[in-house]
């Protein structure tokens, strides 16, 4: 998500499929000089491949900057952090985000809320 002039935009929808090495990844590197996943392009997986990182396979929509989140949806979205705490966005006034601090960080949408932005991104992808 991205905020511009108090309006929230969905950039892309990304769903992690798995975090396992598959046949498509190629053979595991034998030395640090070997490519981590010779079966994938450098930018095809979001894994950083630094210490302790692992392959990540995702299903994602194209990144687009012009897909606004409807104002009434902002007040309903709920996120869950790693500890299991849920929260909603703060500072939503008349469908606009007055302060983006509550949108910063790494959170996952709850399963109930995750379907809502999916509808927004599906409409944007199919209409172009």
N, C-alpha and C. Protein backbone atom coordinates (compact mmCIF):
# COMPACT_ATOMS: atom_id res chain seq x y z
N UNK A 1 0.84 -1.17 0.00
CA UNK A 1 0.00 0.00 0.00
C UNK A 1 0.89 1.23 0.00
N UNK A 2 0.32 2.31 -0.51
CA UNK A 2 1.05 3.57 -0.64
C UNK A 2 0.09 4.70 -0.29
N UNK A 3 0.60 5.73 0.37
CA UNK A 3 -0.21 6.89 0.72
C UNK A 3 0.29 8.10 -0.06
N UNK A 4 -0.63 8.81 -0.70
CA UNK A 4 -0.31 10.03 -1.42
C UNK A 4 -1.44 11.01 -1.19
N UNK A 5 -1.12 12.14 -0.57
CA UNK A 5 -2.09 13.20 -0.28
C UNK A 5 -3.30 12.66 0.49
N UNK A 6 -3.01 11.89 1.54
CA UNK A 6 -4.01 11.33 2.45
C UNK A 6 -4.90 10.27 1.81
N UNK A 7 -4.59 9.86 0.59
CA UNK A 7 -5.35 8.80 -0.07
C UNK A 7 -4.48 7.54 -0.09
N UNK A 8 -5.08 6.38 0.21
CA UNK A 8 -4.34 5.12 0.25
C UNK A 8 -4.56 4.38 -1.06
N UNK A 9 -3.46 3.86 -1.61
CA UNK A 9 -3.51 3.11 -2.86
C UNK A 9 -2.98 1.70 -2.64
N UNK A 10 -3.61 0.73 -3.29
CA UNK A 10 -3.11 -0.64 -3.29
C UNK A 10 -2.15 -0.73 -4.46
N UNK A 11 -0.89 -1.09 -4.17
CA UNK A 11 0.10 -1.22 -5.23
C UNK A 11 0.05 -2.59 -5.88
N UNK A 12 -0.12 -3.61 -5.08
CA UNK A 12 -0.13 -4.98 -5.59
C UNK A 12 -0.71 -5.88 -4.51
N UNK A 13 -1.19 -7.02 -4.94
CA UNK A 13 -1.60 -8.04 -3.99
C UNK A 13 -0.61 -9.17 -4.11
N UNK A 14 -0.02 -9.57 -2.99
CA UNK A 14 0.97 -10.63 -3.01
C UNK A 14 0.60 -11.67 -1.97
N UNK A 15 0.56 -12.90 -2.40
CA UNK A 15 0.26 -14.02 -1.51
C UNK A 15 1.44 -14.97 -1.54
N UNK A 16 2.01 -15.27 -0.38
CA UNK A 16 3.13 -16.21 -0.30
C UNK A 16 2.57 -17.61 -0.49
N UNK A 17 3.07 -18.31 -1.49
CA UNK A 17 2.64 -19.68 -1.77
C UNK A 17 3.39 -20.65 -0.87
N UNK A 18 4.71 -20.53 -0.86
CA UNK A 18 5.51 -21.36 0.04
C UNK A 18 6.90 -20.77 0.18
N UNK A 19 7.65 -21.33 1.10
CA UNK A 19 9.02 -20.88 1.36
C UNK A 19 9.96 -22.08 1.27
N UNK A 20 9.75 -22.92 0.29
CA UNK A 20 10.54 -24.13 0.12
C UNK A 20 11.25 -24.09 -1.23
N UNK A 21 12.39 -24.72 -1.30
CA UNK A 21 13.10 -24.86 -2.56
C UNK A 21 12.38 -25.93 -3.37
N UNK A 22 12.08 -25.60 -4.63
CA UNK A 22 11.41 -26.52 -5.55
C UNK A 22 12.32 -26.84 -6.71
N UNK A 23 11.84 -27.71 -7.57
CA UNK A 23 12.59 -28.05 -8.78
C UNK A 23 12.84 -26.85 -9.67
N UNK A 24 11.92 -25.89 -9.67
CA UNK A 24 12.08 -24.70 -10.51
C UNK A 24 13.24 -23.82 -10.05
N UNK A 25 13.67 -23.97 -8.81
CA UNK A 25 14.76 -23.14 -8.27
C UNK A 25 16.14 -23.60 -8.75
N UNK A 26 16.24 -24.83 -9.21
CA UNK A 26 17.54 -25.37 -9.62
C UNK A 26 18.27 -25.94 -8.41
N UNK A 27 19.49 -26.34 -8.62
CA UNK A 27 20.26 -26.95 -7.54
C UNK A 27 20.70 -25.90 -6.53
N UNK A 28 20.78 -26.30 -5.29
CA UNK A 28 21.22 -25.40 -4.23
C UNK A 28 22.68 -25.01 -4.45
N UNK A 29 23.07 -23.80 -4.09
CA UNK A 29 24.45 -23.38 -4.30
C UNK A 29 25.43 -24.19 -3.45
N UNK A 30 26.57 -24.53 -4.05
CA UNK A 30 27.60 -25.27 -3.33
C UNK A 30 28.57 -24.31 -2.63
N UNK A 31 28.78 -23.12 -3.23
CA UNK A 31 29.65 -22.11 -2.64
C UNK A 31 28.93 -20.77 -2.67
N UNK A 32 29.49 -19.78 -2.00
CA UNK A 32 28.87 -18.46 -1.97
C UNK A 32 28.90 -17.79 -3.33
N UNK A 33 29.77 -18.24 -4.24
CA UNK A 33 29.86 -17.64 -5.57
C UNK A 33 28.77 -18.14 -6.51
N UNK A 34 28.16 -19.27 -6.19
CA UNK A 34 27.12 -19.84 -7.05
C UNK A 34 25.83 -19.04 -6.91
N UNK A 35 25.05 -18.95 -8.00
CA UNK A 35 23.76 -18.25 -7.90
C UNK A 35 22.82 -19.02 -6.97
N UNK A 36 22.04 -18.31 -6.16
CA UNK A 36 21.18 -18.98 -5.18
C UNK A 36 20.07 -19.81 -5.81
N UNK A 37 19.51 -19.33 -6.90
CA UNK A 37 18.41 -20.02 -7.58
C UNK A 37 18.61 -19.91 -9.08
N UNK A 38 19.44 -20.76 -9.68
CA UNK A 38 19.71 -20.61 -11.10
C UNK A 38 18.48 -20.78 -12.00
N UNK A 39 17.40 -21.34 -11.48
CA UNK A 39 16.18 -21.49 -12.27
C UNK A 39 15.30 -20.27 -12.30
N UNK A 40 15.64 -19.22 -11.54
CA UNK A 40 14.84 -18.00 -11.50
C UNK A 40 15.70 -16.80 -11.89
N UNK A 41 15.03 -15.79 -12.45
CA UNK A 41 15.71 -14.52 -12.70
C UNK A 41 16.03 -13.87 -11.36
N UNK A 42 16.97 -12.93 -11.36
CA UNK A 42 17.36 -12.27 -10.10
C UNK A 42 16.19 -11.60 -9.39
N UNK A 43 15.29 -10.99 -10.13
CA UNK A 43 14.19 -10.25 -9.50
C UNK A 43 12.90 -11.03 -9.39
N UNK A 44 12.91 -12.32 -9.68
CA UNK A 44 11.64 -13.06 -9.72
C UNK A 44 11.15 -13.51 -8.36
N UNK A 45 11.99 -13.46 -7.34
CA UNK A 45 11.57 -13.86 -6.00
C UNK A 45 11.98 -12.78 -5.02
N UNK A 46 11.12 -12.45 -4.06
CA UNK A 46 11.45 -11.37 -3.14
C UNK A 46 12.42 -11.73 -2.03
N UNK A 47 12.90 -12.95 -1.96
CA UNK A 47 13.88 -13.32 -0.93
C UNK A 47 15.17 -12.55 -1.10
N UNK A 48 15.75 -12.09 -0.02
CA UNK A 48 16.96 -11.27 -0.09
C UNK A 48 18.21 -12.12 -0.31
N UNK A 49 18.15 -13.37 0.03
CA UNK A 49 19.26 -14.30 -0.13
C UNK A 49 20.48 -13.91 0.68
N UNK A 50 20.26 -13.20 1.75
CA UNK A 50 21.35 -12.91 2.68
C UNK A 50 21.41 -14.02 3.72
N UNK A 51 22.06 -13.76 4.80
CA UNK A 51 22.17 -14.77 5.87
C UNK A 51 20.79 -15.17 6.37
N UNK A 52 20.51 -16.44 6.33
CA UNK A 52 19.26 -16.96 6.87
C UNK A 52 18.04 -16.79 5.99
N UNK A 53 18.15 -16.17 4.84
CA UNK A 53 16.96 -16.02 4.00
C UNK A 53 16.75 -17.30 3.20
N UNK A 54 15.58 -17.43 2.64
CA UNK A 54 15.21 -18.65 1.95
C UNK A 54 14.38 -18.31 0.72
N UNK A 55 14.17 -19.27 -0.18
CA UNK A 55 13.37 -18.97 -1.36
C UNK A 55 11.93 -18.69 -0.98
N UNK A 56 11.29 -17.81 -1.73
CA UNK A 56 9.90 -17.48 -1.49
C UNK A 56 9.20 -17.50 -2.84
N UNK A 57 8.16 -18.29 -2.94
CA UNK A 57 7.35 -18.32 -4.15
C UNK A 57 6.06 -17.57 -3.86
N UNK A 58 5.71 -16.65 -4.74
CA UNK A 58 4.54 -15.81 -4.51
C UNK A 58 3.61 -15.81 -5.72
N UNK A 59 2.38 -15.46 -5.45
CA UNK A 59 1.40 -15.18 -6.48
C UNK A 59 1.08 -13.70 -6.30
N UNK A 60 1.34 -12.88 -7.31
CA UNK A 60 1.16 -11.44 -7.14
C UNK A 60 0.56 -10.80 -8.39
N UNK A 61 -0.12 -9.69 -8.16
CA UNK A 61 -0.64 -8.90 -9.27
C UNK A 61 0.45 -7.92 -9.71
N UNK A 62 0.35 -7.37 -10.92
CA UNK A 62 1.32 -6.35 -11.33
C UNK A 62 1.25 -5.13 -10.41
N UNK A 63 2.36 -4.44 -10.24
CA UNK A 63 2.40 -3.23 -9.42
C UNK A 63 1.81 -2.08 -10.22
N UNK A 64 0.81 -1.44 -9.63
CA UNK A 64 0.16 -0.28 -10.25
C UNK A 64 0.01 0.79 -9.17
N UNK A 65 0.17 2.05 -9.57
CA UNK A 65 0.12 3.15 -8.60
C UNK A 65 -1.20 3.91 -8.61
N UNK A 66 -2.16 3.53 -9.43
CA UNK A 66 -3.39 4.30 -9.54
C UNK A 66 -4.63 3.58 -9.05
N UNK A 67 -4.51 2.67 -8.09
CA UNK A 67 -5.66 1.93 -7.60
C UNK A 67 -5.99 2.37 -6.17
N UNK A 68 -6.90 3.34 -6.02
CA UNK A 68 -7.21 3.84 -4.67
C UNK A 68 -8.06 2.86 -3.87
N UNK A 69 -7.86 2.86 -2.58
CA UNK A 69 -8.68 2.08 -1.66
C UNK A 69 -9.89 2.95 -1.32
N UNK A 70 -11.10 2.44 -1.52
CA UNK A 70 -12.28 3.24 -1.18
C UNK A 70 -12.25 3.65 0.29
N UNK A 71 -12.65 4.87 0.58
CA UNK A 71 -12.59 5.42 1.93
C UNK A 71 -13.32 4.59 2.97
N UNK A 72 -14.48 4.05 2.61
CA UNK A 72 -15.24 3.25 3.58
C UNK A 72 -14.53 1.94 3.91
N UNK A 73 -13.66 1.46 3.02
CA UNK A 73 -12.91 0.23 3.28
C UNK A 73 -11.77 0.47 4.27
N UNK A 74 -11.18 1.65 4.26
CA UNK A 74 -10.06 1.95 5.17
C UNK A 74 -10.44 1.72 6.64
N UNK A 75 -11.63 2.11 7.01
CA UNK A 75 -12.06 1.97 8.40
C UNK A 75 -12.31 0.51 8.78
N UNK A 76 -12.54 -0.37 7.80
CA UNK A 76 -12.84 -1.78 8.09
C UNK A 76 -11.62 -2.68 8.09
N UNK A 77 -10.54 -2.31 7.42
CA UNK A 77 -9.37 -3.19 7.31
C UNK A 77 -8.76 -3.46 8.68
N UNK A 78 -8.39 -4.73 8.90
CA UNK A 78 -7.81 -5.14 10.18
C UNK A 78 -6.53 -5.91 9.90
N UNK A 79 -5.47 -5.56 10.64
CA UNK A 79 -4.16 -6.21 10.49
C UNK A 79 -3.83 -7.02 11.72
N UNK A 80 -2.95 -8.03 11.53
CA UNK A 80 -2.47 -8.85 12.66
C UNK A 80 -0.95 -8.86 12.61
N UNK A 81 -0.32 -8.62 13.76
CA UNK A 81 1.14 -8.66 13.81
C UNK A 81 1.61 -10.07 14.15
N UNK A 82 2.91 -10.27 14.27
CA UNK A 82 3.46 -11.60 14.54
C UNK A 82 3.03 -12.16 15.88
N UNK A 83 2.72 -11.31 16.81
CA UNK A 83 2.29 -11.76 18.13
C UNK A 83 0.80 -12.09 18.19
N UNK A 84 0.11 -11.90 17.10
CA UNK A 84 -1.32 -12.22 17.05
C UNK A 84 -2.24 -11.09 17.42
N UNK A 85 -1.69 -9.92 17.70
CA UNK A 85 -2.53 -8.76 18.03
C UNK A 85 -3.15 -8.20 16.75
N UNK A 86 -4.40 -7.85 16.83
CA UNK A 86 -5.06 -7.24 15.67
C UNK A 86 -5.27 -5.75 15.94
N UNK A 87 -5.32 -5.01 14.85
CA UNK A 87 -5.54 -3.57 14.97
C UNK A 87 -6.11 -3.03 13.68
N UNK A 88 -6.69 -1.88 13.75
CA UNK A 88 -7.21 -1.16 12.57
C UNK A 88 -6.39 0.10 12.38
N UNK A 89 -6.58 0.75 11.24
CA UNK A 89 -5.88 2.00 10.99
C UNK A 89 -6.41 3.10 11.90
N UNK A 90 -5.49 3.90 12.38
CA UNK A 90 -5.86 5.08 13.16
C UNK A 90 -5.87 6.28 12.21
N UNK A 91 -6.46 7.34 12.62
CA UNK A 91 -6.43 8.61 11.90
C UNK A 91 -7.16 8.57 10.55
N UNK A 92 -8.21 7.75 10.43
CA UNK A 92 -9.05 7.76 9.23
C UNK A 92 -10.20 8.72 9.48
N UNK A 93 -10.24 9.79 8.68
CA UNK A 93 -11.27 10.81 8.83
C UNK A 93 -11.91 11.04 7.47
N UNK A 94 -13.21 10.83 7.39
CA UNK A 94 -13.97 11.01 6.15
C UNK A 94 -13.34 10.23 4.98
N UNK A 95 -12.91 9.00 5.25
CA UNK A 95 -12.36 8.14 4.20
C UNK A 95 -10.96 8.48 3.75
N UNK A 96 -10.29 9.36 4.47
CA UNK A 96 -8.93 9.75 4.13
C UNK A 96 -8.02 9.50 5.33
N UNK A 97 -6.78 9.15 5.06
CA UNK A 97 -5.82 8.85 6.12
C UNK A 97 -5.09 10.13 6.49
N UNK A 98 -5.42 10.69 7.66
CA UNK A 98 -4.84 11.95 8.10
C UNK A 98 -3.38 11.82 8.50
N UNK A 99 -2.98 10.64 8.99
CA UNK A 99 -1.60 10.41 9.41
C UNK A 99 -1.27 8.96 9.04
N UNK A 100 -0.20 8.75 8.29
CA UNK A 100 0.12 7.42 7.77
C UNK A 100 0.93 6.56 8.73
N UNK A 101 1.21 7.03 9.94
CA UNK A 101 2.05 6.27 10.86
C UNK A 101 1.44 4.91 11.19
N UNK A 102 0.13 4.77 11.23
CA UNK A 102 -0.48 3.49 11.57
C UNK A 102 -0.44 2.50 10.41
N UNK A 103 -0.02 2.96 9.24
CA UNK A 103 0.11 2.07 8.08
C UNK A 103 1.55 1.59 7.90
N UNK A 104 2.47 2.13 8.67
CA UNK A 104 3.88 1.77 8.53
C UNK A 104 4.18 0.52 9.34
N UNK A 105 5.07 -0.32 8.80
CA UNK A 105 5.47 -1.54 9.50
C UNK A 105 5.14 -2.77 8.70
N UNK A 106 5.37 -3.92 9.29
CA UNK A 106 5.11 -5.20 8.63
C UNK A 106 3.96 -5.90 9.34
N UNK A 107 2.83 -5.90 8.69
CA UNK A 107 1.64 -6.53 9.23
C UNK A 107 0.96 -7.30 8.11
N UNK A 108 0.22 -8.31 8.48
CA UNK A 108 -0.59 -9.06 7.52
C UNK A 108 -2.04 -8.71 7.76
N UNK A 109 -2.77 -8.59 6.67
CA UNK A 109 -4.21 -8.40 6.82
C UNK A 109 -4.80 -9.68 7.40
N UNK A 110 -5.81 -9.54 8.24
CA UNK A 110 -6.49 -10.73 8.75
C UNK A 110 -7.20 -11.40 7.58
N UNK A 111 -7.48 -12.69 7.67
CA UNK A 111 -8.16 -13.37 6.56
C UNK A 111 -9.47 -12.69 6.16
N UNK A 112 -10.19 -12.15 7.14
CA UNK A 112 -11.45 -11.48 6.84
C UNK A 112 -11.23 -10.21 6.02
N UNK A 113 -10.16 -9.50 6.31
CA UNK A 113 -9.87 -8.24 5.60
C UNK A 113 -9.13 -8.46 4.29
N UNK A 114 -8.42 -9.57 4.16
CA UNK A 114 -7.59 -9.79 2.98
C UNK A 114 -8.39 -9.86 1.68
N UNK A 115 -9.62 -10.30 1.74
CA UNK A 115 -10.43 -10.41 0.53
C UNK A 115 -10.82 -9.04 -0.03
N UNK A 116 -10.91 -8.03 0.82
CA UNK A 116 -11.35 -6.71 0.38
C UNK A 116 -10.38 -6.05 -0.61
N UNK A 117 -9.08 -5.89 -0.28
CA UNK A 117 -8.16 -5.31 -1.26
C UNK A 117 -7.99 -6.18 -2.50
N UNK A 118 -8.19 -7.50 -2.35
CA UNK A 118 -8.11 -8.39 -3.51
C UNK A 118 -9.16 -7.99 -4.54
N UNK A 119 -10.35 -7.64 -4.08
CA UNK A 119 -11.40 -7.18 -4.99
C UNK A 119 -10.97 -5.88 -5.68
N UNK A 120 -10.33 -4.99 -4.94
CA UNK A 120 -9.88 -3.71 -5.50
C UNK A 120 -8.81 -3.95 -6.58
N UNK A 121 -7.82 -4.80 -6.29
CA UNK A 121 -6.76 -5.06 -7.26
C UNK A 121 -7.27 -5.87 -8.44
N UNK A 122 -8.20 -6.79 -8.23
CA UNK A 122 -8.74 -7.58 -9.34
C UNK A 122 -9.45 -6.68 -10.34
N UNK A 123 -10.19 -5.71 -9.84
CA UNK A 123 -10.86 -4.77 -10.72
C UNK A 123 -9.88 -3.91 -11.51
N UNK A 124 -8.78 -3.52 -10.88
CA UNK A 124 -7.78 -2.68 -11.56
C UNK A 124 -7.04 -3.46 -12.62
N UNK A 125 -6.72 -4.72 -12.36
CA UNK A 125 -5.99 -5.54 -13.33
C UNK A 125 -6.87 -5.87 -14.52
N UNK A 126 -8.13 -6.22 -14.27
CA UNK A 126 -9.00 -6.63 -15.36
C UNK A 126 -9.47 -5.46 -16.21
N UNK A 127 -9.45 -4.24 -15.68
CA UNK A 127 -9.94 -3.09 -16.42
C UNK A 127 -8.88 -2.43 -17.30
N UNK A 128 -7.65 -2.91 -17.28
CA UNK A 128 -6.60 -2.27 -18.06
C UNK A 128 -6.19 -3.12 -19.23
